[in-house]
Amino acid sequence: ERAMRFEAWYCSSLVGMVAAYFNSQQNAVFITSVSLLKSHQGRGIASKLMRTCIENAKNNGFEFIELEVDGENDDAFRIYKKLNFKKNKIYGRTTLLKLNIL
């Protein structure tokens, strides 16, 4: 079990990050945070960070990745849909998305 961060830097400033918890007992990854400065949105940075996290999970033999997203966050849904995440459960406004990677 370990936490990992995938970061994007511009000059000497952190502009984006994906934080994930890799749980080897459940053979699963849970993405806890996807953050990007507004000034760097729309440049594909979040997608690239997500793909890096997915590749890391694949390369280490994890079966799936999950994350929660606000059901009204259309921008996030578009990114996750392009990455093949599927709706798994809905809790009020929160949607649990899942990506099978094996």
Protein backbone atom coordinates (compact mmCIF):
# COMPACT_ATOMS: atom_id res chain seq x y z
CA GLU A 1 0.00 0.00 0.00
CA ARG A 2 1.38 3.35 -0.97
CA ALA A 3 0.40 6.82 -2.02
CA MET A 4 1.81 8.27 -5.22
CA ARG A 5 1.68 11.64 -6.94
CA PHE A 6 2.05 12.41 -10.61
CA GLU A 7 2.98 16.06 -11.07
CA ALA A 8 3.20 18.65 -13.85
CA TRP A 9 5.57 21.57 -13.40
CA TYR A 10 5.95 24.80 -15.35
CA CYS A 11 9.10 26.79 -14.63
CA SER A 12 9.42 26.10 -10.91
CA SER A 13 5.69 25.98 -10.13
CA LEU A 14 3.50 22.95 -9.64
CA VAL A 15 0.61 23.40 -12.11
CA GLY A 16 -1.12 20.01 -11.93
CA MET A 17 -1.23 16.81 -9.93
CA VAL A 18 -2.92 13.44 -9.75
CA ALA A 19 -2.72 11.77 -6.33
CA ALA A 20 -3.52 8.07 -6.02
CA TYR A 21 -3.51 5.35 -3.41
CA PHE A 22 -2.17 2.00 -4.67
CA ASN A 23 -3.70 -0.83 -2.61
CA SER A 24 -1.89 -4.08 -3.37
CA GLN A 25 -4.18 -6.12 -1.08
CA GLN A 26 -7.22 -5.21 -3.18
CA ASN A 27 -5.16 -4.98 -6.38
CA ALA A 28 -6.77 -1.58 -6.93
CA VAL A 29 -5.84 2.05 -7.31
CA PHE A 30 -8.02 4.86 -5.95
CA ILE A 31 -7.39 8.33 -7.35
CA THR A 32 -7.91 10.75 -4.48
CA SER A 33 -7.26 14.03 -6.27
CA VAL A 34 -6.96 15.50 -9.75
CA SER A 35 -5.91 19.14 -9.52
CA LEU A 36 -4.90 21.66 -12.16
CA LEU A 37 -4.38 25.41 -12.03
CA LYS A 38 -7.06 27.24 -14.03
CA SER A 39 -4.34 28.98 -16.02
CA HIS A 40 -3.18 25.59 -17.34
CA GLN A 41 -6.55 24.00 -18.09
CA GLY A 42 -7.41 23.00 -21.64
CA ARG A 43 -3.85 21.99 -22.53
CA GLY A 44 -4.18 18.22 -22.02
CA ILE A 45 -2.15 18.24 -18.80
CA ALA A 46 -4.78 16.47 -16.68
CA SER A 47 -5.22 13.78 -19.36
CA LYS A 48 -1.48 13.24 -19.57
CA LEU A 49 -1.16 12.94 -15.79
CA MET A 50 -4.07 10.49 -15.72
CA ARG A 51 -2.50 8.39 -18.49
CA THR A 52 0.77 8.30 -16.56
CA CYS A 53 -1.07 7.07 -13.45
CA ILE A 54 -2.93 4.44 -15.51
CA GLU A 55 0.31 3.21 -17.11
CA ASN A 56 1.97 2.96 -13.71
CA ALA A 57 -0.95 0.89 -12.42
CA LYS A 58 -0.84 -1.39 -15.49
CA ASN A 59 2.91 -1.85 -15.26
CA ASN A 60 2.56 -2.88 -11.62
CA GLY A 61 -0.22 -5.42 -12.24
CA PHE A 62 -3.18 -3.61 -10.69
CA GLU A 63 -6.63 -4.71 -11.91
CA PHE A 64 -8.62 -1.49 -11.78
CA ILE A 65 -8.66 2.20 -10.91
CA GLU A 66 -11.51 4.05 -9.21
CA LEU A 67 -12.22 7.70 -8.55
CA GLU A 68 -15.10 9.85 -7.39
CA VAL A 69 -16.33 12.87 -9.32
CA ASP A 70 -19.02 15.48 -8.74
CA GLY A 71 -21.92 14.55 -11.00
CA GLU A 72 -22.13 18.13 -12.25
CA ASN A 73 -18.47 18.42 -13.26
CA ASP A 74 -18.89 18.01 -17.03
CA ASP A 75 -15.25 18.88 -17.81
CA ALA A 76 -13.98 16.09 -15.55
CA PHE A 77 -16.50 13.60 -16.98
CA ARG A 78 -15.27 14.35 -20.51
CA ILE A 79 -11.66 13.62 -19.53
CA TYR A 80 -12.54 10.41 -17.71
CA LYS A 81 -14.81 9.21 -20.52
CA LYS A 82 -11.97 9.67 -23.05
CA LEU A 83 -9.82 7.52 -20.76
CA ASN A 84 -12.54 4.79 -20.75
CA PHE A 85 -13.69 5.17 -17.16
CA LYS A 86 -17.25 3.88 -16.67
CA LYS A 87 -19.89 4.85 -14.12
CA ASN A 88 -19.90 2.29 -11.33
CA LYS A 89 -22.09 3.77 -8.56
CA ILE A 90 -23.90 7.02 -7.82
CA TYR A 91 -24.17 8.51 -4.31
CA GLY A 92 -26.27 11.67 -4.47
CA ARG A 93 -24.19 14.12 -6.53
CA THR A 94 -21.07 11.95 -6.39
CA THR A 95 -20.35 9.36 -9.07
CA LEU A 96 -17.86 6.54 -8.60
CA LEU A 97 -16.04 5.80 -11.85
CA LYS A 98 -14.06 2.64 -12.58
CA LEU A 99 -11.47 1.68 -15.17
CA ASN A 100 -10.59 -1.99 -15.60
CA ILE A 101 -6.97 -2.19 -16.71
CA LEU A 102 -6.18 -5.91 -16.86
